[in-house]
PDB file of N, CA and C in Angstrom:
ATOM      1  N   MET A   1     127.373  92.215 113.908  1.00  0.00           N
ATOM      2  CA  MET A   1     126.245  91.660 113.194  1.00  0.00           C
ATOM      3  C   MET A   1     126.677  91.257 111.791  1.00  0.00           C
ATOM      4  N   ARG A   2     126.025  90.242 111.289  1.00  0.00           N
ATOM      5  CA  ARG A   2     126.339  89.732 109.963  1.00  0.00           C
ATOM      6  C   ARG A   2     125.246  90.116 108.962  1.00  0.00           C
ATOM      7  N   HIS A   3     125.624  90.027 107.703  1.00  0.00           N
ATOM      8  CA  HIS A   3     124.700  90.351 106.613  1.00  0.00           C
ATOM      9  C   HIS A   3     124.169  89.053 106.006  1.00  0.00           C
ATOM     10  N   TYR A   4     122.874  89.061 105.686  1.00  0.00           N
ATOM     11  CA  TYR A   4     122.227  87.878 105.121  1.00  0.00           C
ATOM     12  C   TYR A   4     121.302  88.281 103.986  1.00  0.00           C
ATOM     13  N   GLU A   5     121.129  87.352 103.046  1.00  0.00           N
ATOM     14  CA  GLU A   5     120.148  87.501 101.988  1.00  0.00           C
ATOM     15  C   GLU A   5     119.118  86.399 102.183  1.00  0.00           C
ATOM     16  N   ILE A   6     117.855  86.783 102.304  1.00  0.00           N
ATOM     17  CA  ILE A   6     116.777  85.837 102.560  1.00  0.00           C
ATOM     18  C   ILE A   6     115.837  85.843 101.363  1.00  0.00           C
ATOM     19  N   THR A   7     115.572  84.663 100.832  1.00  0.00           N
ATOM     20  CA  THR A   7     114.609  84.508  99.748  1.00  0.00           C
ATOM     21  C   THR A   7     113.497  83.586 100.233  1.00  0.00           C
ATOM     22  N   LEU A   8     112.262  84.009 100.017  1.00  0.00           N
ATOM     23  CA  LEU A   8     111.100  83.234 100.438  1.00  0.00           C
ATOM     24  C   LEU A   8     110.233  82.907  99.243  1.00  0.00           C
ATOM     25  N   ILE A   9     109.685  81.702  99.240  1.00  0.00           N
ATOM     26  CA  ILE A   9     108.686  81.304  98.254  1.00  0.00           C
ATOM     27  C   ILE A   9     107.399  81.073  99.037  1.00  0.00           C
ATOM     28  N   VAL A  10     106.381  81.892  98.756  1.00  0.00           N
ATOM     29  CA  VAL A  10     105.135  81.881  99.513  1.00  0.00           C
ATOM     30  C   VAL A  10     104.027  81.256  98.673  1.00  0.00           C
ATOM     31  N   HIS A  11     103.155  80.521  99.328  1.00  0.00           N
ATOM     32  CA  HIS A  11     102.016  79.869  98.684  1.00  0.00           C
ATOM     33  C   HIS A  11     101.192  80.927  97.929  1.00  0.00           C
ATOM     34  N   PRO A  12     100.789  80.655  96.690  1.00  0.00           N
ATOM     35  CA  PRO A  12     100.075  81.667  95.898  1.00  0.00           C
ATOM     36  C   PRO A  12      98.724  82.084  96.494  1.00  0.00           C
ATOM     37  N   ASP A  13      98.079  81.213  97.249  1.00  0.00           N
ATOM     38  CA  ASP A  13      96.807  81.582  97.879  1.00  0.00           C
ATOM     39  C   ASP A  13      97.007  82.581  99.016  1.00  0.00           C
ATOM     40  N   GLN A  14      98.228  82.708  99.501  1.00  0.00           N
ATOM     41  CA  GLN A  14      98.540  83.623 100.602  1.00  0.00           C
ATOM     42  C   GLN A  14      99.166  84.933 100.112  1.00  0.00           C
ATOM     43  N   SER A  15      99.125  85.187  98.809  1.00  0.00           N
ATOM     44  CA  SER A  15      99.748  86.392  98.243  1.00  0.00           C
ATOM     45  C   SER A  15      99.197  87.670  98.855  1.00  0.00           C
ATOM     46  N   SER A  16      97.935  87.670  99.228  1.00  0.00           N
ATOM     47  CA  SER A  16      97.339  88.878  99.795  1.00  0.00           C
ATOM     48  C   SER A  16      97.883  89.169 101.197  1.00  0.00           C
ATOM     49  N   GLN A  17      98.451  88.178 101.849  1.00  0.00           N
ATOM     50  CA  GLN A  17      98.969  88.361 103.205  1.00  0.00           C
ATOM     51  C   GLN A  17     100.478  88.595 103.233  1.00  0.00           C
ATOM     52  N   VAL A  18     101.092  88.752 102.073  1.00  0.00           N
ATOM     53  CA  VAL A  18     102.540  88.929 101.998  1.00  0.00           C
ATOM     54  C   VAL A  18     102.987  90.179 102.735  1.00  0.00           C
ATOM     55  N   THR A  19     102.271  91.277 102.577  1.00  0.00           N
ATOM     56  CA  THR A  19     102.681  92.520 103.240  1.00  0.00           C
ATOM     57  C   THR A  19     102.643  92.374 104.762  1.00  0.00           C
ATOM     58  N   THR A  20     101.657  91.663 105.272  1.00  0.00           N
ATOM     59  CA  THR A  20     101.569  91.426 106.715  1.00  0.00           C
ATOM     60  C   THR A  20     102.736  90.570 107.185  1.00  0.00           C
ATOM     61  N   MET A  21     103.076  89.554 106.416  1.00  0.00           N
ATOM     62  CA  MET A  21     104.199  88.689 106.769  1.00  0.00           C
ATOM     63  C   MET A  21     105.500  89.474 106.794  1.00  0.00           C
ATOM     64  N   ILE A  22     105.714  90.291 105.772  1.00  0.00           N
ATOM     65  CA  ILE A  22     106.948  91.077 105.684  1.00  0.00           C
ATOM     66  C   ILE A  22     107.053  92.047 106.862  1.00  0.00           C
ATOM     67  N   GLU A  23     105.942  92.698 107.206  1.00  0.00           N
ATOM     68  CA  GLU A  23     105.957  93.623 108.345  1.00  0.00           C
ATOM     69  C   GLU A  23     106.314  92.895 109.637  1.00  0.00           C
ATOM     70  N   LYS A  24     105.796  91.696 109.804  1.00  0.00           N
ATOM     71  CA  LYS A  24     106.102  90.891 110.997  1.00  0.00           C
ATOM     72  C   LYS A  24     107.589  90.560 111.049  1.00  0.00           C
ATOM     73  N   TYR A  25     108.157  90.138 109.924  1.00  0.00           N
ATOM     74  CA  TYR A  25     109.575  89.795 109.870  1.00  0.00           C
ATOM     75  C   TYR A  25     110.454  91.029 110.055  1.00  0.00           C
ATOM     76  N   LYS A  26     110.038  92.157 109.484  1.00  0.00           N
ATOM     77  CA  LYS A  26     110.797  93.395 109.661  1.00  0.00           C
ATOM     78  C   LYS A  26     110.812  93.823 111.119  1.00  0.00           C
ATOM     79  N   GLU A  27     109.691  93.625 111.803  1.00  0.00           N
ATOM     80  CA  GLU A  27     109.612  93.978 113.219  1.00  0.00           C
ATOM     81  C   GLU A  27     110.545  93.103 114.047  1.00  0.00           C
ATOM     82  N   ILE A  28     110.628  91.827 113.739  1.00  0.00           N
ATOM     83  CA  ILE A  28     111.539  90.920 114.453  1.00  0.00           C
ATOM     84  C   ILE A  28     112.981  91.380 114.270  1.00  0.00           C
ATOM     85  N   ILE A  29     113.330  91.781 113.051  1.00  0.00           N
ATOM     86  CA  ILE A  29     114.704  92.199 112.747  1.00  0.00           C
ATOM     87  C   ILE A  29     115.048  93.502 113.452  1.00  0.00           C
ATOM     88  N   THR A  30     114.178  94.499 113.327  1.00  0.00           N
ATOM     89  CA  THR A  30     114.495  95.812 113.891  1.00  0.00           C
ATOM     90  C   THR A  30     114.378  95.844 115.418  1.00  0.00           C
ATOM     91  N   ALA A  31     113.578  94.961 116.005  1.00  0.00           N
ATOM     92  CA  ALA A  31     113.430  94.938 117.465  1.00  0.00           C
ATOM     93  C   ALA A  31     114.733  94.565 118.155  1.00  0.00           C
ATOM     94  N   SER A  32     115.561  93.784 117.488  1.00  0.00           N
ATOM     95  CA  SER A  32     116.829  93.368 118.091  1.00  0.00           C
ATOM     96  C   SER A  32     118.006  94.219 117.617  1.00  0.00           C
ATOM     97  N   GLY A  33     117.720  95.338 116.960  1.00  0.00           N
ATOM     98  CA  GLY A  33     118.782  96.247 116.526  1.00  0.00           C
ATOM     99  C   GLY A  33     119.325  95.952 115.139  1.00  0.00           C
ATOM    100  N   GLY A  34     118.656  95.111 114.376  1.00  0.00           N
ATOM    101  CA  GLY A  34     119.109  94.796 113.025  1.00  0.00           C
ATOM    102  C   GLY A  34     118.656  95.832 112.011  1.00  0.00           C
ATOM    103  N   ASN A  35     119.184  95.727 110.809  1.00  0.00           N
ATOM    104  CA  ASN A  35     118.841  96.649 109.718  1.00  0.00           C
ATOM    105  C   ASN A  35     118.348  95.865 108.506  1.00  0.00           C
ATOM    106  N   ILE A  36     117.471  96.501 107.745  1.00  0.00           N
ATOM    107  CA  ILE A  36     117.007  95.929 106.480  1.00  0.00           C
ATOM    108  C   ILE A  36     117.564  96.818 105.382  1.00  0.00           C
ATOM    109  N   HIS A  37     118.461  96.252 104.573  1.00  0.00           N
ATOM    110  CA  HIS A  37     119.124  97.034 103.537  1.00  0.00           C
ATOM    111  C   HIS A  37     118.360  97.026 102.218  1.00  0.00           C
ATOM    112  N   ARG A  38     117.663  95.931 101.945  1.00  0.00           N
ATOM    113  CA  ARG A  38     116.921  95.827 100.689  1.00  0.00           C
ATOM    114  C   ARG A  38     115.740  94.889 100.906  1.00  0.00           C
ATOM    115  N   GLU A  39     114.612  95.271 100.335  1.00  0.00           N
ATOM    116  CA  GLU A  39     113.393  94.455 100.417  1.00  0.00           C
ATOM    117  C   GLU A  39     112.726  94.485  99.051  1.00  0.00           C
ATOM    118  N   GLU A  40     112.542  93.309  98.455  1.00  0.00           N
ATOM    119  CA  GLU A  40     111.960  93.242  97.118  1.00  0.00           C
ATOM    120  C   GLU A  40     110.839  92.214  97.072  1.00  0.00           C
ATOM    121  N   ASP A  41     109.803  92.575  96.361  1.00  0.00           N
ATOM    122  CA  ASP A  41     108.676  91.684  96.124  1.00  0.00           C
ATOM    123  C   ASP A  41     108.685  91.371  94.631  1.00  0.00           C
ATOM    124  N   TRP A  42     109.059  90.149  94.278  1.00  0.00           N
ATOM    125  CA  TRP A  42     109.189  89.758  92.885  1.00  0.00           C
ATOM    126  C   TRP A  42     107.867  89.326  92.284  1.00  0.00           C
ATOM    127  N   GLY A  43     106.852  89.167  93.087  1.00  0.00           N
ATOM    128  CA  GLY A  43     105.536  88.800  92.582  1.00  0.00           C
ATOM    129  C   GLY A  43     105.396  87.302  92.356  1.00  0.00           C
ATOM    130  N   ARG A  44     104.333  86.949  91.629  1.00  0.00           N
ATOM    131  CA  ARG A  44     104.054  85.534  91.360  1.00  0.00           C
ATOM    132  C   ARG A  44     104.810  85.085  90.116  1.00  0.00           C
ATOM    133  N   LYS A  45     105.482  83.958  90.255  1.00  0.00           N
ATOM    134  CA  LYS A  45     106.256  83.403  89.152  1.00  0.00           C
ATOM    135  C   LYS A  45     106.057  81.888  89.116  1.00  0.00           C
ATOM    136  N   HIS A  46     106.326  81.310  87.953  1.00  0.00           N
ATOM    137  CA  HIS A  46     106.259  79.859  87.807  1.00  0.00           C
ATOM    138  C   HIS A  46     107.417  79.226  88.568  1.00  0.00           C
ATOM    139  N   LEU A  47     107.137  78.108  89.210  1.00  0.00           N
ATOM    140  CA  LEU A  47     108.173  77.351  89.885  1.00  0.00           C
ATOM    141  C   LEU A  47     108.918  76.490  88.870  1.00  0.00           C
ATOM    142  N   ALA A  48     110.170  76.194  89.158  1.00  0.00           N
ATOM    143  CA  ALA A  48     110.953  75.335  88.271  1.00  0.00           C
ATOM    144  C   ALA A  48     110.396  73.914  88.287  1.00  0.00           C
ATOM    145  N   TYR A  49     109.861  73.504  89.412  1.00  0.00           N
ATOM    146  CA  TYR A  49     109.221  72.205  89.548  1.00  0.00           C
ATOM    147  C   TYR A  49     108.078  72.353  90.542  1.00  0.00           C
ATOM    148  N   PRO A  50     107.021  71.546  90.424  1.00  0.00           N
ATOM    149  CA  PRO A  50     105.883  71.689  91.336  1.00  0.00           C
ATOM    150  C   PRO A  50     106.249  71.303  92.775  1.00  0.00           C
ATOM    151  N   ILE A  51     105.703  72.046  93.709  1.00  0.00           N
ATOM    152  CA  ILE A  51     105.852  71.749  95.130  1.00  0.00           C
ATOM    153  C   ILE A  51     104.442  71.492  95.658  1.00  0.00           C
ATOM    154  N   ASN A  52     104.171  70.277  96.088  1.00  0.00           N
ATOM    155  CA  ASN A  52     102.841  69.898  96.588  1.00  0.00           C
ATOM    156  C   ASN A  52     101.730  70.263  95.598  1.00  0.00           C
ATOM    157  N   LYS A  53     101.954  69.973  94.322  1.00  0.00           N
ATOM    158  CA  LYS A  53     101.009  70.244  93.235  1.00  0.00           C
ATOM    159  C   LYS A  53     100.730  71.734  93.047  1.00  0.00           C
ATOM    160  N   ILE A  54     101.672  72.564  93.422  1.00  0.00           N
ATOM    161  CA  ILE A  54     101.576  74.016  93.229  1.00  0.00           C
ATOM    162  C   ILE A  54     102.582  74.382  92.137  1.00  0.00           C
ATOM    163  N   TYR A  55     102.126  75.119  91.134  1.00  0.00           N
ATOM    164  CA  TYR A  55     102.964  75.436  89.982  1.00  0.00           C
ATOM    165  C   TYR A  55     103.420  76.888  89.938  1.00  0.00           C
ATOM    166  N   LYS A  56     102.780  77.745  90.709  1.00  0.00           N
ATOM    167  CA  LYS A  56     103.171  79.149  90.806  1.00  0.00           C
ATOM    168  C   LYS A  56     103.330  79.504  92.273  1.00  0.00           C
ATOM    169  N   ALA A  57     104.158  80.508  92.548  1.00  0.00           N
ATOM    170  CA  ALA A  57     104.339  80.956  93.927  1.00  0.00           C
ATOM    171  C   ALA A  57     104.742  82.419  93.933  1.00  0.00           C
ATOM    172  N   HIS A  58     104.638  83.035  95.096  1.00  0.00           N
ATOM    173  CA  HIS A  58     104.990  84.443  95.290  1.00  0.00           C
ATOM    174  C   HIS A  58     106.404  84.502  95.861  1.00  0.00           C
ATOM    175  N   TYR A  59     107.277  85.274  95.224  1.00  0.00           N
ATOM    176  CA  TYR A  59     108.684  85.355  95.632  1.00  0.00           C
ATOM    177  C   TYR A  59     108.964  86.668  96.363  1.00  0.00           C
ATOM    178  N   LEU A  60     109.759  86.566  97.438  1.00  0.00           N
ATOM    179  CA  LEU A  60     110.195  87.729  98.214  1.00  0.00           C
ATOM    180  C   LEU A  60     111.691  87.620  98.468  1.00  0.00           C
ATOM    181  N   MET A  61     112.365  88.765  98.553  1.00  0.00           N
ATOM    182  CA  MET A  61     113.786  88.763  98.858  1.00  0.00           C
ATOM    183  C   MET A  61     114.121  89.931  99.759  1.00  0.00           C
ATOM    184  N   MET A  62     114.962  89.690 100.763  1.00  0.00           N
ATOM    185  CA  MET A  62     115.388  90.740 101.694  1.00  0.00           C
ATOM    186  C   MET A  62     116.880  90.592 101.956  1.00  0.00           C
ATOM    187  N   ASN A  63     117.578  91.708 102.066  1.00  0.00           N
ATOM    188  CA  ASN A  63     118.952  91.725 102.541  1.00  0.00           C
ATOM    189  C   ASN A  63     118.932  92.410 103.897  1.00  0.00           C
ATOM    190  N   ILE A  64     119.425  91.700 104.904  1.00  0.00           N
ATOM    191  CA  ILE A  64     119.334  92.200 106.269  1.00  0.00           C
ATOM    192  C   ILE A  64     120.682  92.111 106.961  1.00  0.00           C
ATOM    193  N   GLU A  65     120.748  92.790 108.093  1.00  0.00           N
ATOM    194  CA  GLU A  65     121.912  92.718 108.972  1.00  0.00           C
ATOM    195  C   GLU A  65     121.367  92.430 110.361  1.00  0.00           C
ATOM    196  N   CYS A  66     121.760  91.300 110.951  1.00  0.00           N
ATOM    197  CA  CYS A  66     121.237  90.927 112.262  1.00  0.00           C
ATOM    198  C   CYS A  66     122.196  89.975 112.961  1.00  0.00           C
ATOM    199  N   ASP A  67     121.889  89.683 114.222  1.00  0.00           N
ATOM    200  CA  ASP A  67     122.698  88.727 114.974  1.00  0.00           C
ATOM    201  C   ASP A  67     122.131  87.314 114.805  1.00  0.00           C
ATOM    202  N   GLN A  68     122.837  86.335 115.350  1.00  0.00           N
ATOM    203  CA  GLN A  68     122.450  84.939 115.169  1.00  0.00           C
ATOM    204  C   GLN A  68     121.116  84.618 115.842  1.00  0.00           C
ATOM    205  N   GLU A  69     120.853  85.221 116.982  1.00  0.00           N
ATOM    206  CA  GLU A  69     119.600  84.965 117.696  1.00  0.00           C
ATOM    207  C   GLU A  69     118.388  85.396 116.863  1.00  0.00           C
ATOM    208  N   THR A  70     118.489  86.556 116.236  1.00  0.00           N
ATOM    209  CA  THR A  70     117.410  87.057 115.385  1.00  0.00           C
ATOM    210  C   THR A  70     117.230  86.162 114.167  1.00  0.00           C
ATOM    211  N   LEU A  71     118.344  85.724 113.593  1.00  0.00           N
ATOM    212  CA  LEU A  71     118.274  84.841 112.434  1.00  0.00           C
ATOM    213  C   LEU A  71     117.595  83.521 112.800  1.00  0.00           C
ATOM    214  N   ASP A  72     117.874  83.012 113.996  1.00  0.00           N
ATOM    215  CA  ASP A  72     117.224  81.782 114.457  1.00  0.00           C
ATOM    216  C   ASP A  72     115.718  81.992 114.631  1.00  0.00           C
ATOM    217  N   LYS A  73     115.311  83.172 115.141  1.00  0.00           N
ATOM    218  CA  LYS A  73     113.878  83.482 115.283  1.00  0.00           C
ATOM    219  C   LYS A  73     113.197  83.513 113.918  1.00  0.00           C
ATOM    220  N   LEU A  74     113.851  84.158 112.953  1.00  0.00           N
ATOM    221  CA  LEU A  74     113.292  84.224 111.599  1.00  0.00           C
ATOM    222  C   LEU A  74     113.159  82.827 111.001  1.00  0.00           C
ATOM    223  N   ASN A  75     114.200  82.046 111.123  1.00  0.00           N
ATOM    224  CA  ASN A  75     114.175  80.690 110.570  1.00  0.00           C
ATOM    225  C   ASN A  75     113.074  79.862 111.224  1.00  0.00           C
ATOM    226  N   TYR A  76     112.871  80.018 112.514  1.00  0.00           N
ATOM    227  CA  TYR A  76     111.805  79.326 113.231  1.00  0.00           C
ATOM    228  C   TYR A  76     110.438  79.745 112.687  1.00  0.00           C
ATOM    229  N   ASN A  77     110.268  81.050 112.460  1.00  0.00           N
ATOM    230  CA  ASN A  77     109.004  81.548 111.904  1.00  0.00           C
ATOM    231  C   ASN A  77     108.766  81.038 110.490  1.00  0.00           C
ATOM    232  N   PHE A  78     109.814  80.968 109.674  1.00  0.00           N
ATOM    233  CA  PHE A  78     109.668  80.453 108.317  1.00  0.00           C
ATOM    234  C   PHE A  78     109.259  78.985 108.355  1.00  0.00           C
ATOM    235  N   ARG A  79     109.882  78.223 109.237  1.00  0.00           N
ATOM    236  CA  ARG A  79     109.649  76.782 109.291  1.00  0.00           C
ATOM    237  C   ARG A  79     108.214  76.437 109.678  1.00  0.00           C
ATOM    238  N   PHE A  80     107.635  77.217 110.595  1.00  0.00           N
ATOM    239  CA  PHE A  80     106.307  76.888 111.090  1.00  0.00           C
ATOM    240  C   PHE A  80     105.194  77.739 110.486  1.00  0.00           C
ATOM    241  N   ASN A  81     105.501  78.494 109.453  1.00  0.00           N
ATOM    242  CA  ASN A  81     104.493  79.240 108.716  1.00  0.00           C
ATOM    243  C   ASN A  81     104.088  78.401 107.507  1.00  0.00           C
ATOM    244  N   ASP A  82     102.835  77.981 107.463  1.00  0.00           N
ATOM    245  CA  ASP A  82     102.366  77.123 106.376  1.00  0.00           C
ATOM    246  C   ASP A  82     102.397  77.824 105.025  1.00  0.00           C
ATOM    247  N   ALA A  83     102.358  79.143 105.011  1.00  0.00           N
ATOM    248  CA  ALA A  83     102.358  79.889 103.756  1.00  0.00           C
ATOM    249  C   ALA A  83     103.732  79.872 103.088  1.00  0.00           C
ATOM    250  N   VAL A  84     104.799  79.716 103.854  1.00  0.00           N
ATOM    251  CA  VAL A  84     106.155  79.708 103.298  1.00  0.00           C
ATOM    252  C   VAL A  84     106.468  78.297 102.805  1.00  0.00           C
ATOM    253  N   LEU A  85     106.542  78.158 101.474  1.00  0.00           N
ATOM    254  CA  LEU A  85     106.837  76.850 100.886  1.00  0.00           C
ATOM    255  C   LEU A  85     108.316  76.512 101.002  1.00  0.00           C
ATOM    256  N   ARG A  86     109.180  77.466 100.694  1.00  0.00           N
ATOM    257  CA  ARG A  86     110.629  77.283 100.775  1.00  0.00           C
ATOM    258  C   ARG A  86     111.256  78.593 101.235  1.00  0.00           C
ATOM    259  N   ASN A  87     112.403  78.478 101.910  1.00  0.00           N
ATOM    260  CA  ASN A  87     113.173  79.658 102.267  1.00  0.00           C
ATOM    261  C   ASN A  87     114.653  79.350 102.094  1.00  0.00           C
ATOM    262  N   LEU A  88     115.411  80.389 101.790  1.00  0.00           N
ATOM    263  CA  LEU A  88     116.850  80.262 101.596  1.00  0.00           C
ATOM    264  C   LEU A  88     117.512  81.439 102.293  1.00  0.00           C
ATOM    265  N   ILE A  89     118.455  81.142 103.172  1.00  0.00           N
ATOM    266  CA  ILE A  89     119.192  82.185 103.880  1.00  0.00           C
ATOM    267  C   ILE A  89     120.662  82.021 103.519  1.00  0.00           C
ATOM    268  N   ILE A  90     121.236  83.074 102.939  1.00  0.00           N
ATOM    269  CA  ILE A  90     122.626  83.051 102.501  1.00  0.00           C
ATOM    270  C   ILE A  90     123.390  84.128 103.254  1.00  0.00           C
ATOM    271  N   SER A  91     124.540  83.775 103.790  1.00  0.00           N
ATOM    272  CA  SER A  91     125.391  84.746 104.467  1.00  0.00           C
ATOM    273  C   SER A  91     126.141  85.557 103.419  1.00  0.00           C
ATOM    274  N   LYS A  92     126.200  86.870 103.609  1.00  0.00           N
ATOM    275  CA  LYS A  92     126.889  87.769 102.685  1.00  0.00           C
ATOM    276  C   LYS A  92     128.024  88.477 103.417  1.00  0.00           C
ATOM    277  N   SER A  93     129.022  88.906 102.673  1.00  0.00           N
ATOM    278  CA  SER A  93     130.168  89.571 103.291  1.00  0.00           C
ATOM    279  C   SER A  93     129.919  91.058 103.543  1.00  0.00           C
ATOM    280  N   GLU A  94     128.966  91.644 102.827  1.00  0.00           N
ATOM    281  CA  GLU A  94     128.677  93.078 102.999  1.00  0.00           C
ATOM    282  C   GLU A  94     127.205  93.342 102.714  1.00  0.00           C
ATOM    283  N   ALA A  95     126.759  94.524 103.103  1.00  0.00           N
ATOM    284  CA  ALA A  95     125.365  94.917 102.875  1.00  0.00           C
ATOM    285  C   ALA A  95     125.141  95.180 101.389  1.00  0.00           C
ATOM    286  N   ILE A  96     124.048  94.682 100.871  1.00  0.00           N
ATOM    287  CA  ILE A  96     123.684  94.896  99.467  1.00  0.00           C
ATOM    288  C   ILE A  96     122.390  95.697  99.458  1.00  0.00           C
ATOM    289  N   SER A  97     122.444  96.878  98.859  1.00  0.00           N
ATOM    290  CA  SER A  97     121.252  97.723  98.824  1.00  0.00           C
ATOM    291  C   SER A  97     120.827  98.085  97.402  1.00  0.00           C
ATOM    292  N   SER A  98     121.623  97.703  96.408  1.00  0.00           N
ATOM    293  CA  SER A  98     121.254  97.994  95.021  1.00  0.00           C
ATOM    294  C   SER A  98     120.192  97.003  94.552  1.00  0.00           C
ATOM    295  N   PRO A  99     119.384  97.383  93.571  1.00  0.00           N
ATOM    296  CA  PRO A  99     118.331  96.477  93.080  1.00  0.00           C
ATOM    297  C   PRO A  99     118.919  95.178  92.518  1.00  0.00           C
ATOM    298  N   SER A 100     118.207  94.091  92.714  1.00  0.00           N
ATOM    299  CA  SER A 100     118.655  92.792  92.204  1.00  0.00           C
ATOM    300  C   SER A 100     118.428  92.714  90.700  1.00  0.00           C
ATOM    301  N   ILE A 101     118.945  91.674  90.098  1.00  0.00           N
ATOM    302  CA  ILE A 101     118.782  91.465  88.660  1.00  0.00           C
ATOM    303  C   ILE A 101     117.307  91.320  88.302  1.00  0.00           C
ATOM    304  N   MET A 102     116.546  90.678  89.171  1.00  0.00           N
ATOM    305  CA  MET A 102     115.109  90.490  88.922  1.00  0.00           C
ATOM    306  C   MET A 102     114.394  91.839  88.826  1.00  0.00           C
ATOM    307  N   MET A 103     114.707  92.762  89.709  1.00  0.00           N
ATOM    308  CA  MET A 103     114.050  94.072  89.708  1.00  0.00           C
ATOM    309  C   MET A 103     114.527  94.931  88.538  1.00  0.00           C
ATOM    310  N   VAL A 104     115.805  94.836  88.195  1.00  0.00           N
ATOM    311  CA  VAL A 104     116.329  95.596  87.055  1.00  0.00           C
ATOM    312  C   VAL A 104     115.645  95.123  85.773  1.00  0.00           C
ATOM    313  N   LYS A 105     115.491  93.809  85.638  1.00  0.00           N
ATOM    314  CA  LYS A 105     114.829  93.243  84.455  1.00  0.00           C
ATOM    315  C   LYS A 105     113.371  93.684  84.386  1.00  0.00           C
ATOM    316  N   ALA A 106     112.693  93.706  85.523  1.00  0.00           N
ATOM    317  CA  ALA A 106     111.294  94.135  85.550  1.00  0.00           C
ATOM    318  C   ALA A 106     111.167  95.596  85.124  1.00  0.00           C
ATOM    319  N   GLU A 107     112.083  96.442  85.573  1.00  0.00           N
ATOM    320  CA  GLU A 107     112.066  97.858  85.185  1.00  0.00           C
ATOM    321  C   GLU A 107     112.320  98.024  83.690  1.00  0.00           C
ATOM    322  N   GLU A 108     113.259  97.229  83.146  1.00  0.00           N
ATOM    323  CA  GLU A 108     113.534  97.299  81.710  1.00  0.00           C
ATOM    324  C   GLU A 108     112.313  96.871  80.901  1.00  0.00           C
ATOM    325  N   ASP A 109     111.625  95.836  81.367  1.00  0.00           N
ATOM    326  CA  ASP A 109     110.424  95.373  80.671  1.00  0.00           C
ATOM    327  C   ASP A 109     109.332  96.436  80.692  1.00  0.00           C
ATOM    328  N   LYS A 110     109.181  97.135  81.816  1.00  0.00           N
ATOM    329  CA  LYS A 110     108.185  98.208  81.911  1.00  0.00           C
ATOM    330  C   LYS A 110     108.519  99.337  80.956  1.00  0.00           C
ATOM    331  N   GLU A 111     109.803  99.670  80.848  1.00  0.00           N
ATOM    332  CA  GLU A 111     110.213 100.747  79.934  1.00  0.00           C
ATOM    333  C   GLU A 111     109.933 100.374  78.488  1.00  0.00           C
ATOM    334  N   LYS A 112     110.177  99.102  78.127  1.00  0.00           N
ATOM    335  CA  LYS A 112     109.930  98.656  76.760  1.00  0.00           C
ATOM    336  C   LYS A 112     108.440  98.740  76.424  1.00  0.00           C
ATOM    337  N   VAL A 113     107.588  98.396  77.382  1.00  0.00           N
ATOM    338  CA  VAL A 113     106.147  98.439  77.158  1.00  0.00           C
ATOM    339  C   VAL A 113     105.682  99.877  76.976  1.00  0.00           C
ATOM    340  N   THR A 114     106.202 100.801  77.774  1.00  0.00           N
ATOM    341  CA  THR A 114     105.784 102.203  77.664  1.00  0.00           C
ATOM    342  C   THR A 114     106.301 102.828  76.373  1.00  0.00           C
ATOM    343  N   GLU A 115     107.460 102.374  75.877  1.00  0.00           N
ATOM    344  CA  GLU A 115     107.964 102.888  74.615  1.00  0.00           C
ATOM    345  C   GLU A 115     107.104 102.459  73.430  1.00  0.00           C
ATOM    346  N   LYS A 116     106.566 101.266  73.478  1.00  0.00           N
ATOM    347  CA  LYS A 116     105.723 100.762  72.402  1.00  0.00           C
ATOM    348  C   LYS A 116     104.377 101.448  72.346  1.00  0.00           C
ATOM    349  N   VAL A 117     103.903 101.912  73.482  1.00  0.00           N
ATOM    350  CA  VAL A 117     102.578 102.545  73.547  1.00  0.00           C
ATOM    351  C   VAL A 117     102.650 103.947  73.133  1.00  0.00           C
TER     352      VAL A 117
END
């Protein structure tokens, strides 16, 4: 099995359904014997450029280990899900389970806010 990093940009009106979407994708991965090494919800952020007159979107990132058939199923689901505006799948050489830069930055920002209070 190979390791992949998946980043999703979800329509902001569908933010409440993100947990359901993630559970569905996790079930597809684990049903075929794959593993999920890291799962992060980056929240709503401004887009670098508008997509279909949308200026903000909900970002998700997962590091997984799966076979090609499972990856094709995921890609098919991303393509035909209207809530997913963009997706990016990158092949990785090893499993990554440490927090991403986005999550580390968010934690640092939370610490700074609590120190000021």
